[in-house]
Amino acid sequence: MQQVPARPSPVIDGTLTPFSAHALPLPRTLSHLPLFPLGTVLFPGGVLPLRIFEVRYLHMVARCHQRSEPFGVVALQHGSEVRRPGQPPPVLHGCGTLARITALHAPQPGLLLAQCEGGQRFRLHAWRQQPDGLWTGDVSLLDPDRATPIPPDLASLADALRHALELPESPHQPAHGAPAPELFQDAGWVANRWCERLPLPLTQKQQLMALDNPLVRLELISDLVTLALGAAGRRP
């Protein structure tokens, strides 16, 4: 990973404000990428709120924020998010997602509230634990989903998603407020947003996220959306 000299981040009323500079482009292969193993799957373009209190992650998140660098979110196969004495090391899934911090708030010492956005997916080749307990990994970045139009027979999924995101109680709002209309025409983006919303097992979400073909991902999610909306008394 290309390193940027650390700079102190300005703090205003407990809020660590993001820098306006654009993040530097990343190489295809990253060594020692900081990892945040979680019991969830982060999809590209998705929003991930984090409540951070472990020292290893407080340091990691502050450092990534200061340097405008991402960290990797990888779903756990086995193990716990919180480190406990005597527990075996976690087992991680082989595909994860880069996360960039879009907002960071320090309400009190020893606590950070972060909002992150999912970026590029990566393949995890090896991971190791540092003396401070932080996990890092050697990864290769996967190509972003190709812009793929939604075929007519799946267009109802986009309409149903647009309606769902308009609901005030929606827990999965996109990363930058109201999404651009053209996103509802993209198979990968629509599939990812449905994968976030549906109450699927973690393993199933992980398999869907790792698929390289966005149209196949949307086709697989189609029946699950129909079942979910049918159970709620709605039609896609």
Protein backbone atom coordinates (compact mmCIF):
# COMPACT_ATOMS: atom_id res chain seq x y z
CA MET A 1 0.00 0.00 0.00
CA GLN A 2 1.33 3.41 -0.85
CA GLN A 3 2.05 5.25 2.38
CA VAL A 4 1.21 8.90 3.00
CA PRO A 5 2.93 10.84 5.80
CA ALA A 6 0.61 11.00 8.78
CA ARG A 7 -0.99 14.36 9.51
CA PRO A 8 -2.97 15.31 12.60
CA SER A 9 -6.67 15.33 11.85
CA PRO A 10 -8.57 18.47 12.89
CA VAL A 11 -10.99 17.94 15.77
CA ILE A 12 -14.05 20.18 16.02
CA ASP A 13 -16.51 19.55 18.88
CA GLY A 14 -15.32 15.96 19.12
CA THR A 15 -15.72 15.35 15.39
CA LEU A 16 -12.68 14.33 13.35
CA THR A 17 -13.38 16.00 10.03
CA PRO A 18 -12.28 14.25 6.83
CA PHE A 19 -9.63 15.76 4.59
CA SER A 20 -10.78 17.12 1.26
CA ALA A 21 -7.85 15.61 -0.66
CA HIS A 22 -8.71 12.68 -2.90
CA ALA A 23 -7.36 9.29 -1.87
CA LEU A 24 -4.38 8.12 -3.85
CA PRO A 25 -4.95 5.30 -6.37
CA LEU A 26 -4.14 1.86 -5.00
CA PRO A 27 -1.89 -0.77 -6.56
CA ARG A 28 -3.44 -4.09 -7.56
CA THR A 29 -1.66 -5.96 -4.76
CA LEU A 30 -1.52 -4.73 -1.17
CA SER A 31 0.68 -6.09 1.59
CA HIS A 32 -0.09 -5.64 5.27
CA LEU A 33 -3.56 -4.19 4.64
CA PRO A 34 -5.18 -3.50 8.05
CA LEU A 35 -8.12 -5.86 8.49
CA PHE A 36 -11.32 -5.50 10.50
CA PRO A 37 -12.88 -8.98 10.85
CA LEU A 38 -16.62 -8.63 11.40
CA GLY A 39 -19.73 -10.74 11.60
CA THR A 40 -21.17 -8.97 8.57
CA VAL A 41 -20.54 -8.61 4.84
CA LEU A 42 -19.73 -5.20 3.38
CA PHE A 43 -20.81 -4.70 -0.24
CA PRO A 44 -19.29 -2.15 -2.62
CA GLY A 45 -21.22 1.11 -2.30
CA GLY A 46 -22.70 0.07 1.03
CA VAL A 47 -22.66 1.95 4.34
CA LEU A 48 -20.99 0.47 7.41
CA PRO A 49 -21.39 2.22 10.79
CA LEU A 50 -18.79 1.17 13.36
CA ARG A 51 -18.59 1.67 17.13
CA ILE A 52 -14.91 1.26 17.96
CA PHE A 53 -13.53 0.79 21.47
CA GLU A 54 -10.75 -1.80 21.23
CA VAL A 55 -7.32 -0.15 21.34
CA ARG A 56 -6.04 -2.00 18.27
CA TYR A 57 -8.92 -0.69 16.15
CA LEU A 58 -8.89 2.81 17.66
CA HIS A 59 -5.30 3.19 16.48
CA MET A 60 -5.97 1.58 13.11
CA VAL A 61 -9.04 3.68 12.29
CA ALA A 62 -7.39 6.93 13.41
CA ARG A 63 -4.32 6.12 11.30
CA CYS A 64 -6.37 5.23 8.20
CA HIS A 65 -8.39 8.41 8.60
CA GLN A 66 -5.30 10.60 8.99
CA ARG A 67 -3.69 9.10 5.89
CA SER A 68 -6.89 8.86 3.80
CA GLU A 69 -6.22 5.13 3.41
CA PRO A 70 -8.73 2.25 3.40
CA PHE A 71 -8.80 -0.82 5.58
CA GLY A 72 -10.21 -4.22 4.75
CA VAL A 73 -13.51 -5.60 6.06
CA VAL A 74 -13.59 -9.40 6.01
CA ALA A 75 -16.43 -11.57 7.28
CA LEU A 76 -15.65 -14.13 9.96
CA GLN A 77 -16.06 -17.83 9.24
CA HIS A 78 -15.28 -18.69 12.86
CA GLY A 79 -14.30 -16.58 15.81
CA SER A 80 -15.38 -13.41 17.56
CA GLU A 81 -15.17 -9.73 16.64
CA VAL A 82 -13.92 -8.87 20.16
CA ARG A 83 -10.63 -10.32 21.36
CA ARG A 84 -10.86 -12.48 24.49
CA PRO A 85 -8.05 -14.19 26.42
CA GLY A 86 -7.44 -17.79 25.41
CA GLN A 87 -9.71 -17.82 22.39
CA PRO A 88 -8.45 -19.44 19.16
CA PRO A 89 -7.53 -17.18 16.26
CA PRO A 90 -10.39 -16.29 13.91
CA VAL A 91 -10.91 -17.92 10.53
CA LEU A 92 -11.68 -15.39 7.79
CA HIS A 93 -13.48 -15.66 4.48
CA GLY A 94 -11.28 -15.37 1.42
CA CYS A 95 -12.95 -12.33 -0.14
CA GLY A 96 -13.44 -8.94 1.50
CA THR A 97 -14.12 -5.29 0.70
CA LEU A 98 -12.10 -2.13 1.15
CA ALA A 99 -13.70 0.39 3.50
CA ARG A 100 -13.07 4.12 3.43
CA ILE A 101 -13.98 6.32 6.36
CA THR A 102 -16.48 9.01 5.37
CA ALA A 103 -17.17 10.42 8.83
CA LEU A 104 -15.54 9.99 12.23
CA HIS A 105 -16.75 11.18 15.62
CA ALA A 106 -15.05 10.94 19.03
CA PRO A 107 -17.84 11.39 21.62
CA GLN A 108 -15.52 10.48 24.50
CA PRO A 109 -11.98 9.22 25.10
CA GLY A 110 -11.57 5.61 24.06
CA LEU A 111 -14.57 5.59 21.73
CA LEU A 112 -14.86 6.34 18.01
CA LEU A 113 -18.01 6.31 15.92
CA ALA A 114 -17.16 5.84 12.25
CA GLN A 115 -19.20 5.70 9.09
CA CYS A 116 -17.54 3.86 6.24
CA GLU A 117 -18.31 3.20 2.60
CA GLY A 118 -17.62 -0.07 0.83
CA GLY A 119 -15.19 0.16 -2.07
CA GLN A 120 -13.34 -2.38 -4.17
CA ARG A 121 -13.48 -6.08 -3.39
CA PHE A 122 -10.29 -8.04 -2.78
CA ARG A 123 -9.01 -11.61 -2.55
CA LEU A 124 -7.32 -12.39 0.77
CA HIS A 125 -4.21 -14.56 0.32
CA ALA A 126 -2.70 -14.54 3.81
CA TRP A 127 -3.28 -12.85 7.13
CA ARG A 128 -1.22 -12.40 10.27
CA GLN A 129 -1.59 -10.82 13.70
CA GLN A 130 0.63 -8.01 14.94
CA PRO A 131 1.86 -7.79 18.54
CA ASP A 132 -0.87 -5.24 19.30
CA GLY A 133 -3.53 -7.72 18.15
CA LEU A 134 -4.34 -6.04 14.83
CA TRP A 135 -4.78 -8.34 11.86
CA THR A 136 -3.19 -7.46 8.52
CA GLY A 137 -3.41 -9.25 5.21
CA ASP A 138 -1.86 -9.65 1.79
CA VAL A 139 -4.57 -9.05 -0.79
CA SER A 140 -5.11 -8.58 -4.51
CA LEU A 141 -7.83 -6.20 -5.66
CA LEU A 142 -10.66 -7.57 -7.78
CA ASP A 143 -12.05 -5.69 -10.74
CA PRO A 144 -15.10 -3.56 -9.94
CA ASP A 145 -18.41 -4.79 -11.33
CA ARG A 146 -18.85 -3.90 -14.97
CA ALA A 147 -21.73 -1.53 -15.62
CA THR A 148 -24.43 -4.03 -16.64
CA PRO A 149 -27.95 -2.98 -17.68
CA ILE A 150 -30.84 -4.68 -15.92
CA PRO A 151 -32.82 -6.87 -18.34
CA PRO A 152 -36.55 -6.18 -18.69
CA ASP A 153 -37.58 -9.34 -16.81
CA LEU A 154 -35.72 -8.09 -13.69
CA ALA A 155 -36.65 -4.40 -13.95
CA SER A 156 -39.24 -4.78 -11.18
CA LEU A 157 -36.40 -5.36 -8.71
CA ALA A 158 -35.09 -1.86 -9.37
CA ASP A 159 -38.57 -0.34 -8.93
CA ALA A 160 -39.09 -2.20 -5.66
CA LEU A 161 -35.67 -1.10 -4.39
CA ARG A 162 -36.39 2.53 -5.23
CA HIS A 163 -39.60 2.32 -3.23
CA ALA A 164 -37.87 0.60 -0.31
CA LEU A 165 -35.13 3.23 -0.11
CA GLU A 166 -37.74 5.98 -0.02
CA LEU A 167 -39.19 4.62 3.22
CA PRO A 168 -38.14 6.83 6.16
CA GLU A 169 -37.35 3.81 8.36
CA SER A 170 -35.03 2.23 5.79
CA PRO A 171 -31.86 1.07 7.63
CA HIS A 172 -29.78 0.76 4.46
CA GLN A 173 -29.58 4.23 2.98
CA PRO A 174 -26.88 4.63 0.33
CA ALA A 175 -23.55 6.17 1.25
CA HIS A 176 -24.19 9.60 -0.27
CA GLY A 177 -27.87 10.26 0.37
CA ALA A 178 -30.37 9.88 -2.45
CA PRO A 179 -28.82 7.66 -5.16
CA ALA A 180 -28.44 8.89 -8.71
CA PRO A 181 -31.29 7.65 -10.96
CA GLU A 182 -28.89 5.81 -13.27
CA LEU A 183 -27.80 3.53 -10.43
CA PHE A 184 -31.22 1.87 -10.53
CA GLN A 185 -30.36 0.72 -14.06
CA ASP A 186 -27.16 -1.04 -12.97
CA ALA A 187 -27.46 -4.74 -12.15
CA GLY A 188 -24.54 -4.85 -9.71
CA TRP A 189 -25.62 -1.83 -7.68
CA VAL A 190 -29.23 -3.01 -7.41
CA ALA A 191 -28.14 -6.55 -6.49
CA ASN A 192 -25.79 -5.26 -3.79
CA ARG A 193 -28.45 -3.09 -2.19
CA TRP A 194 -30.88 -6.03 -2.08
CA CYS A 195 -28.20 -8.29 -0.60
CA GLU A 196 -27.80 -5.77 2.21
CA ARG A 197 -31.51 -5.50 2.90
CA LEU A 198 -32.54 -9.15 2.85
CA PRO A 199 -32.20 -11.21 6.07
CA LEU A 200 -29.86 -13.76 4.50
CA PRO A 201 -27.35 -15.95 6.35
CA LEU A 202 -23.87 -14.47 6.44
CA THR A 203 -22.46 -17.32 4.34
CA GLN A 204 -25.03 -16.68 1.60
CA LYS A 205 -24.30 -12.94 1.57
CA GLN A 206 -20.60 -13.71 1.37
CA GLN A 207 -21.10 -16.00 -1.63
CA LEU A 208 -23.17 -13.36 -3.42
CA MET A 209 -20.64 -10.60 -2.75
CA ALA A 210 -17.80 -12.76 -4.09
CA LEU A 211 -19.51 -13.42 -7.44
CA ASP A 212 -17.72 -11.76 -10.34
CA ASN A 213 -20.78 -11.47 -12.58
CA PRO A 214 -23.21 -8.78 -11.36
CA LEU A 215 -26.06 -10.06 -13.51
CA VAL A 216 -25.76 -13.55 -12.04
CA ARG A 217 -25.83 -11.95 -8.57
CA LEU A 218 -29.05 -10.12 -9.45
CA GLU A 219 -30.64 -13.23 -10.94
CA LEU A 220 -29.86 -15.25 -7.82
CA ILE A 221 -31.27 -12.56 -5.55
CA SER A 222 -34.45 -12.20 -7.63
CA ASP A 223 -36.29 -15.20 -6.17
CA LEU A 224 -35.28 -14.20 -2.64
CA VAL A 225 -36.65 -10.69 -3.15
CA THR A 226 -39.91 -12.09 -4.52
CA LEU A 227 -40.29 -14.34 -1.48
CA ALA A 228 -39.48 -11.51 0.95
CA LEU A 229 -41.90 -9.07 -0.65
CA GLY A 230 -44.57 -11.74 -0.91
CA ALA A 231 -44.26 -12.45 2.81
CA ALA A 232 -44.71 -8.72 3.43
CA GLY A 233 -47.80 -8.61 1.25
CA ARG A 234 -46.14 -6.68 -1.58
CA ARG A 235 -45.26 -7.53 -5.14
CA PRO A 236 -41.89 -6.70 -6.76
